[in-house]
Amino acid sequence: MSQAKRGREKPRFPNSVVLFWDMVSHKAYLDLPHSACKELPYFLKKVKRHLTAPERYTDTFDFSYREARKYGFAFSTHHRTICQLIEKGIIDPVAKGGMKSDRKSYNRFRLSERWRKYGTPEYEKLEWATFVPASWSDSKSGNGK
């Protein structure tokens, strides 16, 4: 095949999601339940940046319960997956949507590299249950209204 034709070839796997070996073999991934491992590629698919782009870990994305249902995940499974991915350091919460925000927005996340320190003393643990939206925490403290 000539060099000119090679440049016009389509990518081999245009709709693929990459799970790197260093993540798959890490304790954070190995400690995930099977349902979270199965849903993880759908979270990774949300980030549209190149794998080496520094913005990959600063871009935010949403993943609604309705969208998870479309992929075959039950409400409770999706909720547990969110909790487990945050707990293991694979995603970080940015904004909590749904009922806590008067149903005006979706949950917003970003990819995280905290998982690299999972299982070490330097690991910073986050929990989805303790994460509250700014508007909700302001109203609870009396600053919102």
C-alpha atoms as a PDB file:
ATOM      1  CA  MET A   1       0.000   0.000   0.000  1.00  0.00           C
ATOM      2  CA  SER A   2       1.352   3.407  -0.901  1.00  0.00           C
ATOM      3  CA  GLN A   3       2.206   5.951   1.760  1.00  0.00           C
ATOM      4  CA  ALA A   4      -0.525   8.306   0.523  1.00  0.00           C
ATOM      5  CA  LYS A   5      -3.215   5.668   1.033  1.00  0.00           C
ATOM      6  CA  ARG A   6      -1.938   4.786   4.505  1.00  0.00           C
ATOM      7  CA  GLY A   7      -2.505   8.348   5.685  1.00  0.00           C
ATOM      8  CA  ARG A   8      -6.201   8.108   4.801  1.00  0.00           C
ATOM      9  CA  GLU A   9      -6.883   4.883   6.666  1.00  0.00           C
ATOM     10  CA  LYS A  10      -9.539   4.950   9.339  1.00  0.00           C
ATOM     11  CA  PRO A  11      -8.500   4.228  12.936  1.00  0.00           C
ATOM     12  CA  ARG A  12      -8.633   0.522  13.738  1.00  0.00           C
ATOM     13  CA  PHE A  13     -10.862   0.915  16.782  1.00  0.00           C
ATOM     14  CA  PRO A  14     -12.613   4.294  16.558  1.00  0.00           C
ATOM     15  CA  ASN A  15     -15.194   3.619  19.294  1.00  0.00           C
ATOM     16  CA  SER A  16     -12.963   1.877  21.780  1.00  0.00           C
ATOM     17  CA  VAL A  17     -12.262   2.538  25.443  1.00  0.00           C
ATOM     18  CA  VAL A  18      -8.756   1.991  26.749  1.00  0.00           C
ATOM     19  CA  LEU A  19      -8.070   0.336  30.088  1.00  0.00           C
ATOM     20  CA  PHE A  20      -4.347   0.496  30.715  1.00  0.00           C
ATOM     21  CA  TRP A  21      -2.588  -2.477  32.237  1.00  0.00           C
ATOM     22  CA  ASP A  22      -1.266  -0.408  35.155  1.00  0.00           C
ATOM     23  CA  MET A  23      -4.883   0.315  36.141  1.00  0.00           C
ATOM     24  CA  VAL A  24      -6.243  -3.189  35.529  1.00  0.00           C
ATOM     25  CA  SER A  25      -3.473  -4.771  37.575  1.00  0.00           C
ATOM     26  CA  HIS A  26      -3.686  -2.214  40.402  1.00  0.00           C
ATOM     27  CA  LYS A  27      -5.236  -2.983  43.809  1.00  0.00           C
ATOM     28  CA  ALA A  28      -7.845  -0.214  43.327  1.00  0.00           C
ATOM     29  CA  TYR A  29      -9.238  -1.946  40.233  1.00  0.00           C
ATOM     30  CA  LEU A  30      -8.865  -5.445  41.644  1.00  0.00           C
ATOM     31  CA  ASP A  31     -10.873  -4.444  44.752  1.00  0.00           C
ATOM     32  CA  LEU A  32     -13.822  -3.232  42.629  1.00  0.00           C
ATOM     33  CA  PRO A  33     -16.878  -5.505  42.462  1.00  0.00           C
ATOM     34  CA  HIS A  34     -17.681  -7.014  39.071  1.00  0.00           C
ATOM     35  CA  SER A  35     -20.603  -4.646  38.458  1.00  0.00           C
ATOM     36  CA  ALA A  36     -18.338  -1.598  38.908  1.00  0.00           C
ATOM     37  CA  CYS A  37     -15.712  -3.120  36.595  1.00  0.00           C
ATOM     38  CA  LYS A  38     -18.424  -3.651  34.013  1.00  0.00           C
ATOM     39  CA  GLU A  39     -19.670  -0.051  34.252  1.00  0.00           C
ATOM     40  CA  LEU A  40     -16.219   1.597  34.414  1.00  0.00           C
ATOM     41  CA  PRO A  41     -15.742   1.718  30.603  1.00  0.00           C
ATOM     42  CA  TYR A  42     -18.927   3.789  30.314  1.00  0.00           C
ATOM     43  CA  PHE A  43     -17.401   6.361  32.681  1.00  0.00           C
ATOM     44  CA  LEU A  44     -14.108   6.348  30.766  1.00  0.00           C
ATOM     45  CA  LYS A  45     -15.979   6.800  27.480  1.00  0.00           C
ATOM     46  CA  LYS A  46     -17.379  10.107  28.731  1.00  0.00           C
ATOM     47  CA  VAL A  47     -13.992  11.853  28.501  1.00  0.00           C
ATOM     48  CA  LYS A  48     -13.383  12.872  24.907  1.00  0.00           C
ATOM     49  CA  ARG A  49      -9.730  13.889  25.312  1.00  0.00           C
ATOM     50  CA  HIS A  50      -6.717  12.027  23.972  1.00  0.00           C
ATOM     51  CA  LEU A  51      -5.192   9.580  26.438  1.00  0.00           C
ATOM     52  CA  THR A  52      -2.075  11.696  26.929  1.00  0.00           C
ATOM     53  CA  ALA A  53      -3.818  15.096  27.100  1.00  0.00           C
ATOM     54  CA  PRO A  54      -3.335  16.786  30.481  1.00  0.00           C
ATOM     55  CA  GLU A  55      -6.934  18.088  30.304  1.00  0.00           C
ATOM     56  CA  ARG A  56      -8.170  14.487  30.489  1.00  0.00           C
ATOM     57  CA  TYR A  57      -8.182  14.703  34.287  1.00  0.00           C
ATOM     58  CA  THR A  58      -9.642  18.216  34.530  1.00  0.00           C
ATOM     59  CA  ASP A  59     -12.583  17.900  32.118  1.00  0.00           C
ATOM     60  CA  THR A  60     -15.883  17.208  33.817  1.00  0.00           C
ATOM     61  CA  PHE A  61     -18.653  14.949  32.566  1.00  0.00           C
ATOM     62  CA  ASP A  62     -22.084  13.891  33.685  1.00  0.00           C
ATOM     63  CA  PHE A  63     -23.504  10.390  33.880  1.00  0.00           C
ATOM     64  CA  SER A  64     -27.165  10.327  34.798  1.00  0.00           C
ATOM     65  CA  TYR A  65     -29.071   7.434  36.309  1.00  0.00           C
ATOM     66  CA  ARG A  66     -31.329   7.488  33.246  1.00  0.00           C
ATOM     67  CA  GLU A  67     -28.317   7.048  30.958  1.00  0.00           C
ATOM     68  CA  ALA A  68     -27.009   4.189  33.108  1.00  0.00           C
ATOM     69  CA  ARG A  69     -30.436   2.567  32.851  1.00  0.00           C
ATOM     70  CA  LYS A  70     -30.174   2.824  29.051  1.00  0.00           C
ATOM     71  CA  TYR A  71     -26.980   0.749  29.252  1.00  0.00           C
ATOM     72  CA  GLY A  72     -28.710  -1.872  31.404  1.00  0.00           C
ATOM     73  CA  PHE A  73     -27.607  -0.821  34.893  1.00  0.00           C
ATOM     74  CA  ALA A  74     -30.199  -0.594  37.645  1.00  0.00           C
ATOM     75  CA  PHE A  75     -30.539   2.573  39.722  1.00  0.00           C
ATOM     76  CA  SER A  76     -29.025   0.933  42.802  1.00  0.00           C
ATOM     77  CA  THR A  77     -26.180  -0.635  40.790  1.00  0.00           C
ATOM     78  CA  HIS A  78     -25.263   2.727  39.262  1.00  0.00           C
ATOM     79  CA  HIS A  79     -25.349   4.387  42.670  1.00  0.00           C
ATOM     80  CA  ARG A  80     -23.084   1.700  44.188  1.00  0.00           C
ATOM     81  CA  THR A  81     -20.721   1.991  41.206  1.00  0.00           C
ATOM     82  CA  ILE A  82     -20.414   5.751  41.708  1.00  0.00           C
ATOM     83  CA  CYS A  83     -19.656   5.213  45.398  1.00  0.00           C
ATOM     84  CA  GLN A  84     -17.073   2.507  44.681  1.00  0.00           C
ATOM     85  CA  LEU A  85     -15.294   4.406  41.879  1.00  0.00           C
ATOM     86  CA  ILE A  86     -15.001   7.480  44.095  1.00  0.00           C
ATOM     87  CA  GLU A  87     -13.876   5.395  47.078  1.00  0.00           C
ATOM     88  CA  LYS A  88     -11.149   3.697  45.026  1.00  0.00           C
ATOM     89  CA  GLY A  89      -9.968   7.005  43.499  1.00  0.00           C
ATOM     90  CA  ILE A  90     -10.899   6.349  39.871  1.00  0.00           C
ATOM     91  CA  ILE A  91     -13.332   9.266  39.605  1.00  0.00           C
ATOM     92  CA  ASP A  92     -13.794  12.407  41.679  1.00  0.00           C
ATOM     93  CA  PRO A  93     -17.117  14.151  42.344  1.00  0.00           C
ATOM     94  CA  VAL A  94     -17.481  17.688  41.031  1.00  0.00           C
ATOM     95  CA  ALA A  95     -21.174  18.429  41.574  1.00  0.00           C
ATOM     96  CA  LYS A  96     -24.045  16.427  42.966  1.00  0.00           C
ATOM     97  CA  GLY A  97     -27.255  16.641  40.983  1.00  0.00           C
ATOM     98  CA  GLY A  98     -30.637  14.983  41.238  1.00  0.00           C
ATOM     99  CA  MET A  99     -32.893  15.409  44.234  1.00  0.00           C
ATOM    100  CA  LYS A 100     -30.228  17.141  46.304  1.00  0.00           C
ATOM    101  CA  SER A 101     -30.052  19.945  43.734  1.00  0.00           C
ATOM    102  CA  ASP A 102     -33.807  20.207  43.129  1.00  0.00           C
ATOM    103  CA  ARG A 103     -33.460  17.941  40.066  1.00  0.00           C
ATOM    104  CA  LYS A 104     -32.012  20.791  38.005  1.00  0.00           C
ATOM    105  CA  SER A 105     -28.710  19.139  37.140  1.00  0.00           C
ATOM    106  CA  TYR A 106     -26.917  15.831  36.759  1.00  0.00           C
ATOM    107  CA  ASN A 107     -24.106  14.442  38.856  1.00  0.00           C
ATOM    108  CA  ARG A 108     -20.791  15.744  37.507  1.00  0.00           C
ATOM    109  CA  PHE A 109     -17.503  13.886  37.769  1.00  0.00           C
ATOM    110  CA  ARG A 110     -13.926  13.982  36.533  1.00  0.00           C
ATOM    111  CA  LEU A 111     -11.395  11.228  36.108  1.00  0.00           C
ATOM    112  CA  SER A 112      -8.894  10.976  38.917  1.00  0.00           C
ATOM    113  CA  GLU A 113      -5.478   9.489  39.423  1.00  0.00           C
ATOM    114  CA  ARG A 114      -5.963   9.044  43.173  1.00  0.00           C
ATOM    115  CA  TRP A 115      -6.226   5.310  42.480  1.00  0.00           C
ATOM    116  CA  ARG A 116      -2.447   5.219  41.976  1.00  0.00           C
ATOM    117  CA  LYS A 117      -2.011   5.817  45.733  1.00  0.00           C
ATOM    118  CA  TYR A 118      -4.879   3.519  46.781  1.00  0.00           C
ATOM    119  CA  GLY A 119      -3.785   1.190  49.571  1.00  0.00           C
ATOM    120  CA  THR A 120      -0.921   3.449  50.672  1.00  0.00           C
ATOM    121  CA  PRO A 121      -0.772   5.873  53.622  1.00  0.00           C
ATOM    122  CA  GLU A 122      -0.747   8.841  51.187  1.00  0.00           C
ATOM    123  CA  TYR A 123      -4.143   7.887  49.753  1.00  0.00           C
ATOM    124  CA  GLU A 124      -6.785  10.611  50.156  1.00  0.00           C
ATOM    125  CA  LYS A 125     -10.155   8.947  50.690  1.00  0.00           C
ATOM    126  CA  LEU A 126     -13.362  10.567  49.419  1.00  0.00           C
ATOM    127  CA  GLU A 127     -16.908   9.325  49.875  1.00  0.00           C
ATOM    128  CA  TRP A 128     -19.909  10.114  47.703  1.00  0.00           C
ATOM    129  CA  ALA A 129     -22.269  10.125  50.704  1.00  0.00           C
ATOM    130  CA  THR A 130     -20.406  13.017  52.363  1.00  0.00           C
ATOM    131  CA  PHE A 131     -20.193  15.077  49.172  1.00  0.00           C
ATOM    132  CA  VAL A 132     -22.988  17.665  49.053  1.00  0.00           C
ATOM    133  CA  PRO A 133     -23.728  20.336  46.446  1.00  0.00           C
ATOM    134  CA  ALA A 134     -22.695  23.879  47.342  1.00  0.00           C
ATOM    135  CA  SER A 135     -26.258  25.202  47.116  1.00  0.00           C
ATOM    136  CA  TRP A 136     -27.530  22.485  49.464  1.00  0.00           C
ATOM    137  CA  SER A 137     -24.766  22.940  52.036  1.00  0.00           C
ATOM    138  CA  ASP A 138     -25.299  26.740  51.946  1.00  0.00           C
ATOM    139  CA  SER A 139     -28.992  26.361  52.686  1.00  0.00           C
ATOM    140  CA  LYS A 140     -28.289  23.955  55.565  1.00  0.00           C
ATOM    141  CA  SER A 141     -25.862  26.412  57.164  1.00  0.00           C
ATOM    142  CA  GLY A 142     -28.248  29.323  56.782  1.00  0.00           C
ATOM    143  CA  ASN A 143     -26.232  31.037  54.043  1.00  0.00           C
ATOM    144  CA  GLY A 144     -28.462  30.019  51.152  1.00  0.00           C
ATOM    145  CA  LYS A 145     -31.733  31.862  51.800  1.00  0.00           C
END
